[in-house]
Amino acid sequence: MSTIDQIVVKIIKEQELIIGPLAWSQAAKVHGLHIIDQKSGAVSIDGNAPTVINSLVSQYEHLFGRASKEVCKDAAASLLVSLSSSEVPSSLR
């Protein structure tokens, strides 16, 4: 699994701890993000990965406010170090 895929799954799973299975249904609404297997956490991304991640963070923030964005940032923090600065989505900076 790529670092980007790991970031997406980590964000969804952290949101799931707070809002339950709704986290997965919200993630499924994000254009370019495909949930392959929720149980194993398998996802795929079509298109520009930072844009898809920004959309995912925005989806959670739209429903649950700024606190959701902070949860996303915290979830991804340990994985962002392996990305170049140009690869880090703006929503996670």
N, C-alpha and C. Protein backbone atom coordinates (compact mmCIF):
# COMPACT_ATOMS: atom_id res chain seq x y z
N MET A 1 0.85 -1.17 0.00
CA MET A 1 0.00 0.00 0.00
C MET A 1 0.90 1.24 0.00
N SER A 2 0.58 2.19 -0.87
CA SER A 2 1.38 3.41 -0.96
C SER A 2 1.18 4.28 0.27
N THR A 3 2.08 5.22 0.45
CA THR A 3 1.97 6.15 1.57
C THR A 3 0.66 6.94 1.48
N ILE A 4 0.30 7.35 0.28
CA ILE A 4 -0.94 8.10 0.09
C ILE A 4 -2.14 7.25 0.51
N ASP A 5 -2.16 5.99 0.08
CA ASP A 5 -3.25 5.10 0.48
C ASP A 5 -3.29 4.93 1.99
N GLN A 6 -2.12 4.82 2.60
CA GLN A 6 -2.04 4.68 4.05
C GLN A 6 -2.60 5.92 4.76
N ILE A 7 -2.29 7.09 4.22
CA ILE A 7 -2.81 8.34 4.79
C ILE A 7 -4.33 8.35 4.72
N VAL A 8 -4.88 7.99 3.58
CA VAL A 8 -6.34 7.97 3.41
C VAL A 8 -6.98 7.02 4.40
N VAL A 9 -6.45 5.81 4.49
CA VAL A 9 -7.03 4.80 5.39
C VAL A 9 -6.91 5.25 6.84
N LYS A 10 -5.77 5.83 7.20
CA LYS A 10 -5.58 6.29 8.58
C LYS A 10 -6.57 7.40 8.93
N ILE A 11 -6.80 8.31 8.00
CA ILE A 11 -7.78 9.38 8.22
C ILE A 11 -9.17 8.79 8.41
N ILE A 12 -9.56 7.87 7.54
CA ILE A 12 -10.89 7.28 7.64
C ILE A 12 -11.04 6.53 8.96
N LYS A 13 -10.03 5.76 9.33
CA LYS A 13 -10.12 4.97 10.56
C LYS A 13 -10.16 5.86 11.80
N GLU A 14 -9.44 6.96 11.79
CA GLU A 14 -9.50 7.89 12.93
C GLU A 14 -10.88 8.53 13.02
N GLN A 15 -11.44 8.89 11.87
CA GLN A 15 -12.80 9.44 11.87
C GLN A 15 -13.80 8.37 12.33
N GLU A 16 -13.55 7.13 11.94
CA GLU A 16 -14.44 6.04 12.34
C GLU A 16 -14.48 5.87 13.85
N LEU A 17 -13.36 6.12 14.53
CA LEU A 17 -13.34 6.03 15.99
C LEU A 17 -14.29 7.05 16.62
N ILE A 18 -14.51 8.15 15.93
CA ILE A 18 -15.34 9.22 16.45
C ILE A 18 -16.80 9.10 16.01
N ILE A 19 -16.99 8.84 14.72
CA ILE A 19 -18.35 8.87 14.18
C ILE A 19 -18.87 7.50 13.72
N GLY A 20 -18.07 6.48 13.89
CA GLY A 20 -18.49 5.13 13.53
C GLY A 20 -18.48 4.89 12.03
N PRO A 21 -19.30 3.95 11.57
CA PRO A 21 -19.30 3.55 10.16
C PRO A 21 -19.65 4.68 9.19
N LEU A 22 -20.22 5.76 9.72
CA LEU A 22 -20.51 6.92 8.88
C LEU A 22 -19.24 7.45 8.20
N ALA A 23 -18.10 7.24 8.83
CA ALA A 23 -16.83 7.70 8.26
C ALA A 23 -16.59 7.06 6.89
N TRP A 24 -16.90 5.79 6.77
CA TRP A 24 -16.70 5.08 5.49
C TRP A 24 -17.71 5.54 4.44
N SER A 25 -18.94 5.75 4.84
CA SER A 25 -19.94 6.19 3.86
C SER A 25 -19.63 7.60 3.36
N GLN A 26 -19.10 8.44 4.23
CA GLN A 26 -18.69 9.79 3.81
C GLN A 26 -17.49 9.72 2.87
N ALA A 27 -16.54 8.84 3.16
CA ALA A 27 -15.37 8.67 2.30
C ALA A 27 -15.78 8.18 0.92
N ALA A 28 -16.79 7.33 0.87
CA ALA A 28 -17.25 6.78 -0.42
C ALA A 28 -17.85 7.87 -1.32
N LYS A 29 -18.23 9.00 -0.75
CA LYS A 29 -18.79 10.11 -1.53
C LYS A 29 -17.72 10.97 -2.21
N VAL A 30 -16.46 10.77 -1.84
CA VAL A 30 -15.38 11.61 -2.36
C VAL A 30 -15.00 11.15 -3.78
N HIS A 31 -15.09 12.08 -4.72
CA HIS A 31 -14.75 11.79 -6.11
C HIS A 31 -13.27 11.41 -6.22
N GLY A 32 -13.01 10.29 -6.87
CA GLY A 32 -11.65 9.83 -7.06
C GLY A 32 -11.16 8.87 -5.99
N LEU A 33 -11.95 8.65 -4.95
CA LEU A 33 -11.60 7.72 -3.89
C LEU A 33 -12.55 6.52 -3.96
N HIS A 34 -11.97 5.35 -4.04
CA HIS A 34 -12.77 4.13 -4.14
C HIS A 34 -12.44 3.22 -2.97
N ILE A 35 -13.47 2.82 -2.26
CA ILE A 35 -13.31 1.89 -1.15
C ILE A 35 -13.38 0.49 -1.75
N ILE A 36 -12.27 -0.22 -1.72
CA ILE A 36 -12.22 -1.57 -2.28
C ILE A 36 -12.74 -2.57 -1.26
N ASP A 37 -12.23 -2.47 -0.03
CA ASP A 37 -12.66 -3.37 1.04
C ASP A 37 -12.56 -2.62 2.36
N GLN A 38 -13.71 -2.29 2.90
CA GLN A 38 -13.76 -1.53 4.15
C GLN A 38 -13.13 -2.30 5.30
N LYS A 39 -13.39 -3.59 5.35
CA LYS A 39 -12.90 -4.41 6.47
C LYS A 39 -11.37 -4.41 6.54
N SER A 40 -10.72 -4.57 5.40
CA SER A 40 -9.25 -4.59 5.39
C SER A 40 -8.65 -3.20 5.22
N GLY A 41 -9.49 -2.22 4.89
CA GLY A 41 -9.00 -0.86 4.70
C GLY A 41 -8.35 -0.65 3.35
N ALA A 42 -8.77 -1.41 2.35
CA ALA A 42 -8.20 -1.26 1.02
C ALA A 42 -8.93 -0.16 0.25
N VAL A 43 -8.14 0.77 -0.27
CA VAL A 43 -8.70 1.88 -1.06
C VAL A 43 -7.87 2.06 -2.32
N SER A 44 -8.43 2.77 -3.28
CA SER A 44 -7.66 3.18 -4.45
C SER A 44 -8.03 4.62 -4.76
N ILE A 45 -7.10 5.31 -5.37
CA ILE A 45 -7.28 6.72 -5.70
C ILE A 45 -7.09 6.89 -7.20
N ASP A 46 -8.05 7.54 -7.83
CA ASP A 46 -7.95 7.89 -9.24
C ASP A 46 -7.66 9.38 -9.33
N GLY A 47 -6.67 9.74 -10.09
CA GLY A 47 -6.39 11.15 -10.28
C GLY A 47 -5.35 11.69 -9.31
N ASN A 48 -5.45 12.98 -9.05
CA ASN A 48 -4.48 13.69 -8.24
C ASN A 48 -4.70 13.39 -6.75
N ALA A 49 -3.75 12.68 -6.15
CA ALA A 49 -3.90 12.22 -4.76
C ALA A 49 -4.09 13.37 -3.77
N PRO A 50 -3.29 14.44 -3.82
CA PRO A 50 -3.52 15.54 -2.87
C PRO A 50 -4.92 16.14 -2.99
N THR A 51 -5.44 16.23 -4.19
CA THR A 51 -6.79 16.75 -4.39
C THR A 51 -7.83 15.83 -3.76
N VAL A 52 -7.65 14.52 -3.93
CA VAL A 52 -8.58 13.56 -3.34
C VAL A 52 -8.53 13.64 -1.81
N ILE A 53 -7.33 13.74 -1.26
CA ILE A 53 -7.21 13.85 0.20
C ILE A 53 -7.83 15.15 0.69
N ASN A 54 -7.60 16.25 -0.02
CA ASN A 54 -8.22 17.52 0.36
C ASN A 54 -9.75 17.40 0.35
N SER A 55 -10.27 16.69 -0.63
CA SER A 55 -11.72 16.48 -0.70
C SER A 55 -12.23 15.63 0.45
N LEU A 56 -11.45 14.62 0.82
CA LEU A 56 -11.83 13.77 1.95
C LEU A 56 -11.87 14.58 3.24
N VAL A 57 -10.84 15.34 3.49
CA VAL A 57 -10.79 16.18 4.69
C VAL A 57 -11.95 17.18 4.67
N SER A 58 -12.21 17.76 3.52
CA SER A 58 -13.30 18.72 3.38
C SER A 58 -14.66 18.06 3.64
N GLN A 59 -14.81 16.83 3.20
CA GLN A 59 -16.07 16.10 3.42
C GLN A 59 -16.35 15.96 4.91
N TYR A 60 -15.33 15.57 5.67
CA TYR A 60 -15.50 15.44 7.12
C TYR A 60 -15.70 16.80 7.78
N GLU A 61 -14.94 17.79 7.34
CA GLU A 61 -15.03 19.12 7.94
C GLU A 61 -16.40 19.74 7.69
N HIS A 62 -16.93 19.52 6.50
CA HIS A 62 -18.25 20.06 6.15
C HIS A 62 -19.32 19.53 7.10
N LEU A 63 -19.24 18.26 7.44
CA LEU A 63 -20.26 17.66 8.30
C LEU A 63 -20.03 17.89 9.78
N PHE A 64 -18.77 17.88 10.21
CA PHE A 64 -18.49 17.85 11.64
C PHE A 64 -17.61 18.99 12.14
N GLY A 65 -17.27 19.93 11.27
CA GLY A 65 -16.55 21.11 11.70
C GLY A 65 -15.04 20.99 11.74
N ARG A 66 -14.45 22.05 12.23
CA ARG A 66 -12.98 22.19 12.26
C ARG A 66 -12.30 21.07 13.04
N ALA A 67 -12.93 20.57 14.07
CA ALA A 67 -12.33 19.50 14.87
C ALA A 67 -12.04 18.28 14.00
N SER A 68 -12.89 18.01 13.04
CA SER A 68 -12.66 16.88 12.14
C SER A 68 -11.40 17.09 11.31
N LYS A 69 -11.16 18.32 10.90
CA LYS A 69 -9.95 18.62 10.12
C LYS A 69 -8.71 18.36 10.98
N GLU A 70 -8.76 18.74 12.23
CA GLU A 70 -7.63 18.51 13.14
C GLU A 70 -7.39 17.03 13.37
N VAL A 71 -8.47 16.26 13.44
CA VAL A 71 -8.34 14.80 13.58
C VAL A 71 -7.62 14.23 12.35
N CYS A 72 -7.97 14.73 11.18
CA CYS A 72 -7.32 14.28 9.94
C CYS A 72 -5.83 14.61 9.94
N LYS A 73 -5.50 15.83 10.34
CA LYS A 73 -4.09 16.24 10.40
C LYS A 73 -3.30 15.36 11.37
N ASP A 74 -3.87 15.13 12.54
CA ASP A 74 -3.19 14.29 13.54
C ASP A 74 -3.02 12.86 13.04
N ALA A 75 -4.03 12.34 12.37
CA ALA A 75 -3.98 10.97 11.87
C ALA A 75 -2.87 10.80 10.84
N ALA A 76 -2.69 11.79 10.00
CA ALA A 76 -1.74 11.69 8.90
C ALA A 76 -0.32 12.12 9.26
N ALA A 77 -0.16 12.80 10.37
CA ALA A 77 1.12 13.43 10.70
C ALA A 77 2.33 12.51 10.59
N SER A 78 2.24 11.32 11.12
CA SER A 78 3.41 10.42 11.13
C SER A 78 3.77 9.93 9.73
N LEU A 79 2.83 9.96 8.80
CA LEU A 79 3.09 9.49 7.44
C LEU A 79 3.54 10.61 6.50
N LEU A 80 3.27 11.84 6.87
CA LEU A 80 3.60 12.96 5.99
C LEU A 80 5.10 13.17 5.84
N VAL A 81 5.88 12.72 6.81
CA VAL A 81 7.33 12.92 6.74
C VAL A 81 7.96 12.18 5.56
N SER A 82 7.30 11.15 5.05
CA SER A 82 7.85 10.41 3.94
C SER A 82 7.48 11.01 2.58
N LEU A 83 6.71 12.09 2.58
CA LEU A 83 6.33 12.77 1.35
C LEU A 83 7.16 14.03 1.16
N SER A 84 7.36 14.40 -0.09
CA SER A 84 8.02 15.68 -0.35
C SER A 84 7.01 16.78 -0.05
N SER A 85 7.49 17.98 0.16
CA SER A 85 6.59 19.08 0.52
C SER A 85 5.54 19.34 -0.57
N SER A 86 5.88 19.09 -1.82
CA SER A 86 4.92 19.31 -2.90
C SER A 86 3.84 18.23 -2.95
N GLU A 87 4.10 17.09 -2.32
CA GLU A 87 3.11 16.01 -2.30
C GLU A 87 2.13 16.11 -1.14
N VAL A 88 2.45 16.92 -0.14
CA VAL A 88 1.60 17.04 1.04
C VAL A 88 0.36 17.87 0.68
N PRO A 89 -0.83 17.28 0.85
CA PRO A 89 -2.05 18.02 0.56
C PRO A 89 -2.17 19.28 1.43
N SER A 90 -2.69 20.34 0.86
CA SER A 90 -2.78 21.61 1.60
C SER A 90 -3.64 21.49 2.86
N SER A 91 -4.62 20.61 2.86
CA SER A 91 -5.49 20.45 4.01
C SER A 91 -4.78 19.81 5.20
N LEU A 92 -3.62 19.21 4.97
CA LEU A 92 -2.89 18.54 6.05
C LEU A 92 -1.66 19.31 6.50
N ARG A 93 -1.47 20.51 5.98
CA ARG A 93 -0.31 21.32 6.36
C ARG A 93 -0.59 22.07 7.64
